PDB file of N, CA and C in Angstrom:
ATOM      1  N   MET A   1      96.288 121.412 240.712  1.00  0.00           N
ATOM      2  CA  MET A   1      94.724 121.731 241.202  1.00  0.00           C
ATOM      3  C   MET A   1      95.675 123.160 242.346  1.00  0.00           C
ATOM      4  N   SER A   2      95.735 123.862 242.054  1.00  0.00           N
ATOM      5  CA  SER A   2      96.239 124.946 242.760  1.00  0.00           C
ATOM      6  C   SER A   2      94.942 126.112 243.272  1.00  0.00           C
ATOM      7  N   SER A   3      94.176 126.515 242.389  1.00  0.00           N
ATOM      8  CA  SER A   3      93.122 127.186 242.542  1.00  0.00           C
ATOM      9  C   SER A   3      91.504 126.419 243.139  1.00  0.00           C
ATOM     10  N   ASP A   4      91.211 127.575 244.556  1.00  0.00           N
ATOM     11  CA  ASP A   4      89.711 127.133 244.499  1.00  0.00           C
ATOM     12  C   ASP A   4      88.799 127.225 244.231  1.00  0.00           C
ATOM     13  N   LEU A   5      89.071 127.887 242.999  1.00  0.00           N
ATOM     14  CA  LEU A   5      87.920 128.144 242.328  1.00  0.00           C
ATOM     15  C   LEU A   5      87.596 127.016 241.491  1.00  0.00           C
ATOM     16  N   ALA A   6      86.478 126.903 241.267  1.00  0.00           N
ATOM     17  CA  ALA A   6      85.939 125.347 240.422  1.00  0.00           C
ATOM     18  C   ALA A   6      85.608 126.194 239.096  1.00  0.00           C
ATOM     19  N   ALA A   7      86.682 125.293 238.254  1.00  0.00           N
ATOM     20  CA  ALA A   7      86.538 125.071 236.916  1.00  0.00           C
ATOM     21  C   ALA A   7      85.464 125.291 235.895  1.00  0.00           C
ATOM     22  N   TYR A   8      84.461 124.313 236.629  1.00  0.00           N
ATOM     23  CA  TYR A   8      82.838 123.412 236.362  1.00  0.00           C
ATOM     24  C   TYR A   8      82.072 124.092 236.780  1.00  0.00           C
ATOM     25  N   PRO A   9      80.548 123.976 236.761  1.00  0.00           N
ATOM     26  CA  PRO A   9      79.852 124.088 234.915  1.00  0.00           C
ATOM     27  C   PRO A   9      80.054 125.141 234.715  1.00  0.00           C
ATOM     28  N   ILE A  10      80.488 125.370 233.435  1.00  0.00           N
ATOM     29  CA  ILE A  10      80.422 126.221 232.631  1.00  0.00           C
ATOM     30  C   ILE A  10      79.464 126.895 231.743  1.00  0.00           C
ATOM     31  N   SER A  11      79.250 128.123 231.234  1.00  0.00           N
ATOM     32  CA  SER A  11      78.063 128.188 230.526  1.00  0.00           C
ATOM     33  C   SER A  11      77.956 127.632 228.963  1.00  0.00           C
ATOM     34  N   GLN A  12      76.988 127.131 228.549  1.00  0.00           N
ATOM     35  CA  GLN A  12      76.648 126.803 227.397  1.00  0.00           C
ATOM     36  C   GLN A  12      76.505 128.232 226.509  1.00  0.00           C
ATOM     37  N   PRO A  13      77.392 127.508 225.248  1.00  0.00           N
ATOM     38  CA  PRO A  13      77.525 128.275 224.065  1.00  0.00           C
ATOM     39  C   PRO A  13      76.240 129.153 223.897  1.00  0.00           C
ATOM     40  N   GLY A  14      76.732 130.406 223.351  1.00  0.00           N
ATOM     41  CA  GLY A  14      74.920 130.763 222.796  1.00  0.00           C
ATOM     42  C   GLY A  14      74.139 130.601 221.891  1.00  0.00           C
ATOM     43  N   THR A  15      74.824 129.611 221.393  1.00  0.00           N
ATOM     44  CA  THR A  15      74.029 128.740 219.983  1.00  0.00           C
ATOM     45  C   THR A  15      73.269 127.784 220.517  1.00  0.00           C
ATOM     46  N   GLY A  16      73.544 127.137 221.824  1.00  0.00           N
ATOM     47  CA  GLY A  16      73.028 125.857 222.626  1.00  0.00           C
ATOM     48  C   GLY A  16      74.269 124.879 222.070  1.00  0.00           C
ATOM     49  N   ILE A  17      74.984 124.728 220.671  1.00  0.00           N
ATOM     50  CA  ILE A  17      76.081 123.852 220.544  1.00  0.00           C
ATOM     51  C   ILE A  17      77.572 124.014 220.798  1.00  0.00           C
ATOM     52  N   ASP A  18      77.818 122.896 220.900  1.00  0.00           N
ATOM     53  CA  ASP A  18      79.582 122.911 221.549  1.00  0.00           C
ATOM     54  C   ASP A  18      80.191 122.255 221.287  1.00  0.00           C
ATOM     55  N   SER A  19      80.381 122.448 219.705  1.00  0.00           N
ATOM     56  CA  SER A  19      81.576 121.400 219.188  1.00  0.00           C
ATOM     57  C   SER A  19      82.477 120.108 219.058  1.00  0.00           C
ATOM     58  N   ARG A  20      82.969 120.536 220.902  1.00  0.00           N
ATOM     59  CA  ARG A  20      83.717 119.858 221.433  1.00  0.00           C
ATOM     60  C   ARG A  20      82.969 118.645 221.958  1.00  0.00           C
ATOM     61  N   PHE A  21      81.845 118.709 222.873  1.00  0.00           N
ATOM     62  CA  PHE A  21      80.733 117.709 223.283  1.00  0.00           C
ATOM     63  C   PHE A  21      80.589 117.089 221.844  1.00  0.00           C
ATOM     64  N   THR A  22      81.097 116.170 221.615  1.00  0.00           N
ATOM     65  CA  THR A  22      80.618 114.783 220.624  1.00  0.00           C
ATOM     66  C   THR A  22      80.637 113.455 221.206  1.00  0.00           C
ATOM     67  N   ILE A  23      80.007 112.529 220.651  1.00  0.00           N
ATOM     68  CA  ILE A  23      80.362 111.366 220.985  1.00  0.00           C
ATOM     69  C   ILE A  23      81.280 110.237 221.202  1.00  0.00           C
ATOM     70  N   GLY A  24      82.736 111.295 220.166  1.00  0.00           N
ATOM     71  CA  GLY A  24      84.202 110.900 220.447  1.00  0.00           C
ATOM     72  C   GLY A  24      84.613 110.918 221.928  1.00  0.00           C
ATOM     73  N   LEU A  25      84.151 112.343 222.700  1.00  0.00           N
ATOM     74  CA  LEU A  25      84.319 113.146 224.381  1.00  0.00           C
ATOM     75  C   LEU A  25      83.789 111.721 224.904  1.00  0.00           C
ATOM     76  N   ALA A  26      82.616 111.137 224.729  1.00  0.00           N
ATOM     77  CA  ALA A  26      82.141 110.347 225.673  1.00  0.00           C
ATOM     78  C   ALA A  26      82.812 108.973 225.328  1.00  0.00           C
ATOM     79  N   LEU A  27      82.921 108.458 224.124  1.00  0.00           N
ATOM     80  CA  LEU A  27      83.591 107.411 224.068  1.00  0.00           C
ATOM     81  C   LEU A  27      85.369 107.118 224.555  1.00  0.00           C
ATOM     82  N   ASP A  28      85.795 108.317 224.692  1.00  0.00           N
ATOM     83  CA  ASP A  28      87.778 108.654 224.912  1.00  0.00           C
ATOM     84  C   ASP A  28      87.145 108.445 226.641  1.00  0.00           C
ATOM     85  N   VAL A  29      86.309 109.221 226.984  1.00  0.00           N
ATOM     86  CA  VAL A  29      86.013 108.794 228.566  1.00  0.00           C
ATOM     87  C   VAL A  29      85.539 107.504 229.089  1.00  0.00           C
ATOM     88  N   ALA A  30      84.815 106.893 228.280  1.00  0.00           N
ATOM     89  CA  ALA A  30      84.471 105.265 228.618  1.00  0.00           C
ATOM     90  C   ALA A  30      85.531 104.522 228.300  1.00  0.00           C
ATOM     91  N   ASP A  31      86.481 104.836 227.327  1.00  0.00           N
ATOM     92  CA  ASP A  31      87.858 104.139 227.352  1.00  0.00           C
ATOM     93  C   ASP A  31      88.646 104.386 228.380  1.00  0.00           C
ATOM     94  N   VAL A  32      88.717 105.802 229.287  1.00  0.00           N
ATOM     95  CA  VAL A  32      89.870 105.623 230.417  1.00  0.00           C
ATOM     96  C   VAL A  32      89.195 105.127 231.410  1.00  0.00           C
ATOM     97  N   LEU A  33      87.707 104.577 231.498  1.00  0.00           N
ATOM     98  CA  LEU A  33      87.330 104.323 233.129  1.00  0.00           C
ATOM     99  C   LEU A  33      87.587 102.735 232.227  1.00  0.00           C
ATOM    100  N   ALA A  34      87.381 102.422 231.606  1.00  0.00           N
ATOM    101  CA  ALA A  34      87.926 100.929 231.374  1.00  0.00           C
ATOM    102  C   ALA A  34      89.238 100.313 231.874  1.00  0.00           C
ATOM    103  N   GLN A  35      90.642 101.331 231.337  1.00  0.00           N
ATOM    104  CA  GLN A  35      91.397 101.464 231.522  1.00  0.00           C
ATOM    105  C   GLN A  35      91.895 101.428 232.829  1.00  0.00           C
ATOM    106  N   HIS A  36      91.277 101.709 234.007  1.00  0.00           N
ATOM    107  CA  HIS A  36      90.845 101.864 235.184  1.00  0.00           C
ATOM    108  C   HIS A  36      90.298 101.134 235.760  1.00  0.00           C
ATOM    109  N   GLY A  37      89.864 100.274 234.894  1.00  0.00           N
ATOM    110  CA  GLY A  37      89.322  98.565 235.391  1.00  0.00           C
ATOM    111  C   GLY A  37      88.026  99.081 235.534  1.00  0.00           C
ATOM    112  N   TYR A  38      87.516 100.111 235.516  1.00  0.00           N
ATOM    113  CA  TYR A  38      86.027  99.812 235.210  1.00  0.00           C
ATOM    114  C   TYR A  38      85.284  99.131 234.633  1.00  0.00           C
ATOM    115  N   PRO A  39      84.185  98.625 234.364  1.00  0.00           N
ATOM    116  CA  PRO A  39      83.589  97.542 233.356  1.00  0.00           C
ATOM    117  C   PRO A  39      83.719  98.618 232.114  1.00  0.00           C
ATOM    118  N   PRO A  40      83.547  97.802 230.951  1.00  0.00           N
ATOM    119  CA  PRO A  40      83.851  98.771 229.409  1.00  0.00           C
ATOM    120  C   PRO A  40      82.203  98.987 229.193  1.00  0.00           C
ATOM    121  N   ILE A  41      82.413  99.932 228.815  1.00  0.00           N
ATOM    122  CA  ILE A  41      80.966 100.323 228.217  1.00  0.00           C
ATOM    123  C   ILE A  41      80.523  99.731 226.797  1.00  0.00           C
ATOM    124  N   THR A  42      79.507  99.046 226.698  1.00  0.00           N
ATOM    125  CA  THR A  42      79.095  98.083 225.566  1.00  0.00           C
ATOM    126  C   THR A  42      77.809  98.344 224.903  1.00  0.00           C
ATOM    127  N   THR A  43      76.827  98.940 225.563  1.00  0.00           N
ATOM    128  CA  THR A  43      76.052  99.211 225.365  1.00  0.00           C
ATOM    129  C   THR A  43      75.551 100.833 225.125  1.00  0.00           C
ATOM    130  N   GLY A  44      74.182 101.175 224.326  1.00  0.00           N
ATOM    131  CA  GLY A  44      73.805 102.285 224.339  1.00  0.00           C
ATOM    132  C   GLY A  44      73.522 102.964 224.992  1.00  0.00           C
ATOM    133  N   THR A  45      72.628 101.850 226.313  1.00  0.00           N
ATOM    134  CA  THR A  45      72.336 103.172 227.586  1.00  0.00           C
ATOM    135  C   THR A  45      73.296 103.314 228.548  1.00  0.00           C
ATOM    136  N   ASP A  46      74.463 102.466 228.812  1.00  0.00           N
ATOM    137  CA  ASP A  46      75.501 103.429 229.243  1.00  0.00           C
ATOM    138  C   ASP A  46      76.249 104.091 228.107  1.00  0.00           C
ATOM    139  N   LEU A  47      76.134 103.958 227.234  1.00  0.00           N
ATOM    140  CA  LEU A  47      77.251 105.261 226.485  1.00  0.00           C
ATOM    141  C   LEU A  47      76.281 106.691 226.954  1.00  0.00           C
ATOM    142  N   LEU A  48      75.013 106.462 226.454  1.00  0.00           N
ATOM    143  CA  LEU A  48      74.109 107.389 227.222  1.00  0.00           C
ATOM    144  C   LEU A  48      74.118 107.869 228.264  1.00  0.00           C
ATOM    145  N   ARG A  49      74.377 107.296 229.341  1.00  0.00           N
ATOM    146  CA  ARG A  49      74.692 108.051 230.781  1.00  0.00           C
ATOM    147  C   ARG A  49      76.022 108.283 230.834  1.00  0.00           C
ATOM    148  N   VAL A  50      76.862 108.139 230.125  1.00  0.00           N
ATOM    149  CA  VAL A  50      78.293 109.095 230.343  1.00  0.00           C
ATOM    150  C   VAL A  50      78.231 110.102 229.808  1.00  0.00           C
ATOM    151  N   GLN A  51      77.400 110.190 228.446  1.00  0.00           N
ATOM    152  CA  GLN A  51      77.220 111.397 228.019  1.00  0.00           C
ATOM    153  C   GLN A  51      76.338 112.231 228.984  1.00  0.00           C
ATOM    154  N   GLN A  52      75.615 112.249 229.270  1.00  0.00           N
ATOM    155  CA  GLN A  52      74.302 112.499 230.490  1.00  0.00           C
ATOM    156  C   GLN A  52      75.087 113.046 231.679  1.00  0.00           C
ATOM    157  N   ALA A  53      76.330 112.373 232.326  1.00  0.00           N
ATOM    158  CA  ALA A  53      77.074 112.523 233.540  1.00  0.00           C
ATOM    159  C   ALA A  53      78.101 113.504 232.836  1.00  0.00           C
ATOM    160  N   LEU A  54      78.343 113.541 231.874  1.00  0.00           N
ATOM    161  CA  LEU A  54      79.706 114.673 231.222  1.00  0.00           C
ATOM    162  C   LEU A  54      78.681 115.830 231.001  1.00  0.00           C
ATOM    163  N   PHE A  55      77.453 116.022 230.518  1.00  0.00           N
ATOM    164  CA  PHE A  55      76.789 116.869 230.428  1.00  0.00           C
ATOM    165  C   PHE A  55      76.157 117.630 231.690  1.00  0.00           C
ATOM    166  N   THR A  56      76.324 117.295 232.356  1.00  0.00           N
ATOM    167  CA  THR A  56      76.057 117.330 234.063  1.00  0.00           C
ATOM    168  C   THR A  56      77.088 118.170 234.416  1.00  0.00           C
ATOM    169  N   LEU A  57      77.959 117.560 234.525  1.00  0.00           N
ATOM    170  CA  LEU A  57      79.595 117.915 235.279  1.00  0.00           C
ATOM    171  C   LEU A  57      79.945 119.328 234.124  1.00  0.00           C
ATOM    172  N   ILE A  58      79.948 119.342 233.182  1.00  0.00           N
ATOM    173  CA  ILE A  58      80.155 120.245 232.261  1.00  0.00           C
ATOM    174  C   ILE A  58      79.801 121.629 232.406  1.00  0.00           C
ATOM    175  N   TYR A  59      78.287 121.663 232.175  1.00  0.00           N
ATOM    176  CA  TYR A  59      77.570 122.865 231.926  1.00  0.00           C
ATOM    177  C   TYR A  59      75.916 122.915 233.206  1.00  0.00           C
ATOM    178  N   GLN A  60      75.537 121.793 233.838  1.00  0.00           N
ATOM    179  CA  GLN A  60      74.834 122.122 234.683  1.00  0.00           C
ATOM    180  C   GLN A  60      75.179 122.701 236.043  1.00  0.00           C
ATOM    181  N   GLU A  61      74.185 124.232 236.311  1.00  0.00           N
ATOM    182  CA  GLU A  61      74.449 124.781 237.232  1.00  0.00           C
ATOM    183  C   GLU A  61      74.112 123.645 238.283  1.00  0.00           C
ATOM    184  N   ASN A  62      74.730 124.123 239.298  1.00  0.00           N
ATOM    185  CA  ASN A  62      74.162 123.457 240.744  1.00  0.00           C
ATOM    186  C   ASN A  62      73.125 124.081 241.212  1.00  0.00           C
ATOM    187  N   ARG A  63      71.989 123.965 241.482  1.00  0.00           N
ATOM    188  CA  ARG A  63      70.812 123.789 242.135  1.00  0.00           C
ATOM    189  C   ARG A  63      70.695 123.542 243.617  1.00  0.00           C
TER     190      ARG A  63
END
């Protein structure tokens, strides 16, 4: 991490659909959290929260 320029958030694709933003991405992040000692994601509500947090990190402009 040598650059002072933030890489995120990025612009959403013009079509509004980003094929990289999948349930698999959220599940992978959930697995990494569990591997680092955080509670496992076992409910749909928690998985939705992971997806929302990722969406905010990746796409949402600072307000």
